[in-house]
Amino acid sequence: MNFQKTSEKPYTHLQPGMARRTLVHGERTLLAEFAFERGAILPSHSHPHEQTGYLVSGRMMLTIGDTEYDVHPGDAWIVPGGVLHGAQAVEDCVAVEVFSPVREDYLT
């Protein structure tokens, strides 16, 4: 079992207006928190990991494949591995996401 104090985890700044912190991980899953400033753009990309997300606060436009979603607090999504996806923050927002398998690049 692994327990982490979120307040002790620093953010890693990924690009202007966007930061991530890895909260906890196990053998098969990893939980991360993302903070976006209004107007920040996450370019379209893909990876082999399945990604399940939940918007905690704010608002974003999320594109999964060819479909765009207007995401509000409480909305959730799944991005299958290998599928193109990206986002734009309409407001400052916070999202939490689970990745499976564990994203090794998020462990440092």
Protein backbone atom coordinates (compact mmCIF):
# COMPACT_ATOMS: atom_id res chain seq x y z
CA MET A 1 0.00 0.00 0.00
CA ASN A 2 1.20 3.49 -0.81
CA PHE A 3 -0.07 6.73 0.75
CA GLN A 4 1.01 10.22 -0.29
CA LYS A 5 0.33 13.68 1.11
CA THR A 6 -0.75 15.70 -1.91
CA SER A 7 0.42 18.93 -0.30
CA GLU A 8 3.99 17.57 -0.31
CA LYS A 9 4.05 16.86 -4.05
CA PRO A 10 5.49 19.67 -6.19
CA TYR A 11 4.17 20.58 -9.64
CA THR A 12 6.32 20.05 -12.73
CA HIS A 13 5.81 22.88 -15.21
CA LEU A 14 5.29 21.32 -18.63
CA GLN A 15 4.80 24.39 -20.79
CA PRO A 16 3.41 27.90 -20.28
CA GLY A 17 0.12 27.68 -18.39
CA MET A 18 0.28 23.95 -17.70
CA ALA A 19 1.66 21.92 -14.80
CA ARG A 20 1.45 18.33 -13.57
CA ARG A 21 2.11 16.52 -10.36
CA THR A 22 2.18 12.77 -9.96
CA LEU A 23 0.18 12.00 -6.83
CA VAL A 24 0.65 8.26 -6.37
CA HIS A 25 1.24 5.10 -8.38
CA GLY A 26 1.06 1.36 -7.98
CA GLU A 27 2.07 -1.57 -10.16
CA ARG A 28 -0.59 -0.94 -12.84
CA THR A 29 -1.92 2.61 -12.43
CA LEU A 30 -0.69 6.15 -11.87
CA LEU A 31 -2.74 9.11 -10.59
CA ALA A 32 -1.75 12.62 -11.69
CA GLU A 33 -3.16 16.11 -11.22
CA PHE A 34 -3.00 18.71 -13.98
CA ALA A 35 -3.41 22.47 -13.53
CA PHE A 36 -4.17 24.60 -16.60
CA GLU A 37 -4.29 28.38 -16.79
CA ARG A 38 -7.00 29.91 -18.95
CA GLY A 39 -5.98 29.76 -22.60
CA ALA A 40 -3.36 27.01 -22.15
CA ILE A 41 -3.29 24.50 -24.97
CA LEU A 42 -2.30 20.85 -24.69
CA PRO A 43 -1.38 19.94 -28.28
CA SER A 44 -2.90 16.85 -29.82
CA HIS A 45 -0.84 13.76 -28.98
CA SER A 46 -1.16 10.05 -28.27
CA HIS A 47 0.52 7.48 -26.06
CA PRO A 48 0.01 3.77 -25.42
CA HIS A 49 -1.52 4.34 -21.97
CA GLU A 50 -5.26 4.27 -21.31
CA GLN A 51 -6.18 7.57 -19.64
CA THR A 52 -9.22 8.16 -17.43
CA GLY A 53 -9.90 11.74 -16.35
CA TYR A 54 -12.15 13.87 -14.16
CA LEU A 55 -12.47 17.65 -14.20
CA VAL A 56 -12.33 18.99 -10.64
CA SER A 57 -12.72 22.70 -11.41
CA GLY A 58 -12.85 25.16 -14.29
CA ARG A 59 -13.78 24.43 -17.89
CA MET A 60 -11.94 23.02 -20.90
CA MET A 61 -12.48 21.89 -24.45
CA LEU A 62 -11.25 18.31 -24.79
CA THR A 63 -10.72 16.61 -28.13
CA ILE A 64 -10.61 12.81 -28.26
CA GLY A 65 -10.13 11.47 -31.75
CA ASP A 66 -12.39 13.57 -34.01
CA THR A 67 -14.83 14.61 -31.27
CA GLU A 68 -14.64 17.80 -29.19
CA TYR A 69 -16.23 17.96 -25.72
CA ASP A 70 -17.13 21.00 -23.62
CA VAL A 71 -15.97 19.74 -20.20
CA HIS A 72 -17.32 21.10 -16.90
CA PRO A 73 -16.59 20.18 -13.27
CA GLY A 74 -17.76 16.65 -12.55
CA ASP A 75 -17.40 15.47 -16.16
CA ALA A 76 -15.24 12.41 -16.80
CA TRP A 77 -13.62 10.80 -19.84
CA ILE A 78 -11.58 7.87 -21.08
CA VAL A 79 -8.95 8.09 -23.79
CA PRO A 80 -8.00 4.64 -25.12
CA GLY A 81 -4.31 4.02 -25.67
CA GLY A 82 -3.06 5.18 -29.06
CA VAL A 83 -5.90 7.67 -29.68
CA LEU A 84 -5.07 11.31 -30.51
CA HIS A 85 -6.29 13.79 -27.89
CA GLY A 86 -5.66 17.35 -26.75
CA ALA A 87 -7.24 20.14 -24.74
CA GLN A 88 -7.63 23.88 -24.33
CA ALA A 89 -8.42 25.55 -21.00
CA VAL A 90 -11.43 27.85 -21.35
CA GLU A 91 -10.97 28.82 -17.67
CA ASP A 92 -8.31 28.03 -15.08
CA CYS A 93 -8.91 24.37 -14.37
CA VAL A 94 -7.73 21.31 -12.48
CA ALA A 95 -8.12 17.74 -13.70
CA VAL A 96 -7.09 14.42 -12.19
CA GLU A 97 -6.22 11.50 -14.43
CA VAL A 98 -5.37 7.83 -14.05
CA PHE A 99 -2.96 6.19 -16.49
CA SER A 100 -2.60 2.47 -17.12
CA PRO A 101 -0.04 1.08 -17.38
CA VAL A 102 2.08 3.38 -15.19
CA ARG A 103 3.67 6.22 -17.16
CA GLU A 104 7.35 5.83 -16.39
CA ASP A 105 8.00 9.35 -17.69
CA TYR A 106 5.79 10.74 -14.89
CA LEU A 107 7.81 9.13 -12.09
CA THR A 108 10.71 11.60 -12.03
